Amino acid sequence: LLLLDEPVAGLDPIVTAELYELIDKINRSGVTVIMVTHDLTTALKYSRHILCMTEKDHFFGSREEFLKSRFASFMRGGEADA
């Protein structure tokens, strides 16, 4: 199990990309990775499951389920009913 909290905070774009590739490689080797990030694009690129929490509600499910949910719309600036 690998727990990460904003692992690329303060890193330049090249090192950020390298670190995400390393994390992905570790995950594909069989290690479970739980990562906190505010970067929705990266979360959707590398994750298989998403936990999204707002002040009023939460979502947990697959990346595909998230993309179909009202949370995806909310996180992209849509209606604030999430």
Protein backbone atom coordinates (compact mmCIF):
# COMPACT_ATOMS: atom_id res chain seq x y z
CA LEU A 1 0.00 0.00 0.00
CA LEU A 2 1.33 3.42 -0.98
CA LEU A 3 -0.37 6.52 0.47
CA LEU A 4 0.37 9.85 -1.23
CA ASP A 5 -0.85 13.35 -0.34
CA GLU A 6 -0.36 15.82 -3.21
CA PRO A 7 2.88 14.08 -4.27
CA VAL A 8 3.74 16.56 -7.03
CA ALA A 9 3.12 19.79 -5.13
CA GLY A 10 5.88 22.23 -6.00
CA LEU A 11 7.47 20.08 -8.71
CA ASP A 12 8.17 21.29 -12.23
CA PRO A 13 6.18 19.76 -15.12
CA ILE A 14 8.95 17.39 -16.25
CA VAL A 15 9.52 15.91 -12.79
CA THR A 16 5.75 15.79 -12.24
CA ALA A 17 5.27 13.66 -15.36
CA GLU A 18 8.15 11.39 -14.36
CA LEU A 19 6.77 10.92 -10.85
CA TYR A 20 3.27 10.10 -12.12
CA GLU A 21 4.75 7.53 -14.51
CA LEU A 22 6.69 5.97 -11.61
CA ILE A 23 3.56 5.87 -9.44
CA ASP A 24 1.65 4.25 -12.32
CA LYS A 25 4.41 1.65 -12.78
CA ILE A 26 4.34 0.84 -9.05
CA ASN A 27 0.57 0.48 -9.19
CA ARG A 28 0.70 -1.81 -12.22
CA SER A 29 3.18 -4.02 -10.36
CA GLY A 30 0.39 -4.82 -7.90
CA VAL A 31 0.79 -2.15 -5.22
CA THR A 32 -2.41 -0.36 -4.21
CA VAL A 33 -1.98 3.41 -4.44
CA ILE A 34 -4.21 5.87 -2.61
CA MET A 35 -3.47 9.43 -3.66
CA VAL A 36 -4.97 12.75 -2.63
CA THR A 37 -4.92 15.32 -5.41
CA HIS A 38 -6.81 18.39 -6.52
CA ASP A 39 -5.79 17.69 -10.12
CA LEU A 40 -8.90 16.11 -11.63
CA THR A 41 -7.28 15.60 -15.03
CA THR A 42 -4.46 13.54 -13.55
CA ALA A 43 -6.82 11.64 -11.26
CA LEU A 44 -8.93 10.64 -14.24
CA LYS A 45 -5.89 9.68 -16.31
CA TYR A 46 -4.27 7.36 -13.77
CA SER A 47 -7.03 6.08 -11.50
CA ARG A 48 -9.40 3.17 -11.72
CA HIS A 49 -11.55 4.42 -8.84
CA ILE A 50 -12.39 7.93 -7.66
CA LEU A 51 -13.42 9.17 -4.23
CA CYS A 52 -14.73 12.72 -4.56
CA MET A 53 -15.87 14.60 -1.47
CA THR A 54 -17.67 17.91 -1.20
CA GLU A 55 -18.99 19.64 1.89
CA LYS A 56 -22.42 18.06 1.39
CA ASP A 57 -21.89 14.73 -0.34
CA HIS A 58 -19.42 12.21 -1.68
CA PHE A 59 -18.96 9.83 -4.59
CA PHE A 60 -17.00 6.58 -4.78
CA GLY A 61 -16.89 4.43 -7.87
CA SER A 62 -15.07 3.61 -11.05
CA ARG A 63 -13.61 6.27 -13.32
CA GLU A 64 -16.35 5.51 -15.84
CA GLU A 65 -19.09 5.87 -13.22
CA PHE A 66 -17.57 9.15 -12.06
CA LEU A 67 -17.56 10.58 -15.58
CA LYS A 68 -21.30 9.84 -15.87
CA SER A 69 -22.10 11.30 -12.44
CA ARG A 70 -23.24 14.74 -11.38
CA PHE A 71 -19.94 15.05 -9.52
CA ALA A 72 -17.99 15.17 -12.77
CA SER A 73 -20.14 18.06 -13.96
CA PHE A 74 -19.77 19.82 -10.62
CA MET A 75 -15.99 19.40 -10.55
CA ARG A 76 -15.79 20.90 -14.03
CA GLY A 77 -17.69 23.99 -12.91
CA GLY A 78 -21.26 22.84 -13.46
CA GLU A 79 -24.19 23.05 -11.11
CA ALA A 80 -23.28 23.03 -7.43
CA ASP A 81 -25.79 20.36 -6.41
CA ALA A 82 -23.13 17.75 -5.67
